[in-house]
Amino acid sequence: MAYWLDKAYTHLDNGLLSEADIEEIEVLAQAYYDALDAVEEAGDPMEEIN
């Protein structure tokens, strides 16, 4: 994800993306990281069964 964020900021610097585009990308990136955290917190359901 960090790679794509860097790429987006480069495109912003080059005038290929707007500030609004960057804001949307940041929201999506945060949602991605939140989902990863939720999966990690949930753990492995098979461990609970065994």
C-alpha atoms as a PDB file:
ATOM      1  CA  MET A   1       0.000   0.000   0.000  1.00  0.00           C
ATOM      2  CA  ALA A   2       2.842   2.378   0.807  1.00  0.00           C
ATOM      3  CA  TYR A   3       4.132   1.975  -2.747  1.00  0.00           C
ATOM      4  CA  TRP A   4       0.801   3.092  -4.201  1.00  0.00           C
ATOM      5  CA  LEU A   5       0.554   6.029  -1.811  1.00  0.00           C
ATOM      6  CA  ASP A   6       4.025   7.178  -2.854  1.00  0.00           C
ATOM      7  CA  LYS A   7       3.012   6.820  -6.490  1.00  0.00           C
ATOM      8  CA  ALA A   8      -0.142   8.862  -5.875  1.00  0.00           C
ATOM      9  CA  TYR A   9       1.825  11.668  -4.217  1.00  0.00           C
ATOM     10  CA  THR A  10       4.259  11.664  -7.146  1.00  0.00           C
ATOM     11  CA  HIS A  11       1.319  12.006  -9.530  1.00  0.00           C
ATOM     12  CA  LEU A  12       0.005  14.865  -7.391  1.00  0.00           C
ATOM     13  CA  ASP A  13       3.390  16.595  -7.619  1.00  0.00           C
ATOM     14  CA  ASN A  14       3.360  16.116 -11.395  1.00  0.00           C
ATOM     15  CA  GLY A  15      -0.157  17.532 -11.726  1.00  0.00           C
ATOM     16  CA  LEU A  16      -1.730  14.219 -12.718  1.00  0.00           C
ATOM     17  CA  LEU A  17      -3.939  14.002  -9.600  1.00  0.00           C
ATOM     18  CA  SER A  18      -5.832  16.626  -7.647  1.00  0.00           C
ATOM     19  CA  GLU A  19      -5.966  17.172  -3.891  1.00  0.00           C
ATOM     20  CA  ALA A  20      -9.471  15.630  -3.933  1.00  0.00           C
ATOM     21  CA  ASP A  21      -8.048  12.497  -5.576  1.00  0.00           C
ATOM     22  CA  ILE A  22      -5.379  12.264  -2.890  1.00  0.00           C
ATOM     23  CA  GLU A  23      -7.964  12.646  -0.131  1.00  0.00           C
ATOM     24  CA  GLU A  24      -9.984   9.783  -1.607  1.00  0.00           C
ATOM     25  CA  ILE A  25      -6.874   7.609  -1.918  1.00  0.00           C
ATOM     26  CA  GLU A  26      -5.966   8.336   1.709  1.00  0.00           C
ATOM     27  CA  VAL A  27      -9.468   7.326   2.852  1.00  0.00           C
ATOM     28  CA  LEU A  28      -9.200   4.068   0.908  1.00  0.00           C
ATOM     29  CA  ALA A  29      -5.724   3.393   2.285  1.00  0.00           C
ATOM     30  CA  GLN A  30      -6.957   3.961   5.838  1.00  0.00           C
ATOM     31  CA  ALA A  31      -9.867   1.567   5.236  1.00  0.00           C
ATOM     32  CA  TYR A  32      -7.384  -1.025   3.979  1.00  0.00           C
ATOM     33  CA  TYR A  33      -5.208  -0.679   7.081  1.00  0.00           C
ATOM     34  CA  ASP A  34      -8.268  -0.766   9.353  1.00  0.00           C
ATOM     35  CA  ALA A  35      -9.390  -4.010   7.677  1.00  0.00           C
ATOM     36  CA  LEU A  36      -5.938  -5.548   8.171  1.00  0.00           C
ATOM     37  CA  ASP A  37      -6.043  -4.592  11.849  1.00  0.00           C
ATOM     38  CA  ALA A  38      -9.521  -6.108  12.240  1.00  0.00           C
ATOM     39  CA  VAL A  39      -8.416  -9.386  10.676  1.00  0.00           C
ATOM     40  CA  GLU A  40      -5.349  -9.489  12.909  1.00  0.00           C
ATOM     41  CA  GLU A  41      -7.427  -8.794  16.033  1.00  0.00           C
ATOM     42  CA  ALA A  42      -9.963 -11.471  15.099  1.00  0.00           C
ATOM     43  CA  GLY A  43      -7.265 -14.114  14.983  1.00  0.00           C
ATOM     44  CA  ASP A  44      -7.578 -17.565  13.499  1.00  0.00           C
ATOM     45  CA  PRO A  45     -11.087 -18.982  13.949  1.00  0.00           C
ATOM     46  CA  MET A  46      -9.723 -22.521  13.717  1.00  0.00           C
ATOM     47  CA  GLU A  47      -7.647 -21.960  16.877  1.00  0.00           C
ATOM     48  CA  GLU A  48     -10.814 -21.244  18.836  1.00  0.00           C
ATOM     49  CA  ILE A  49     -12.468 -24.452  17.620  1.00  0.00           C
ATOM     50  CA  ASN A  50      -9.532 -26.659  18.570  1.00  0.00           C
END
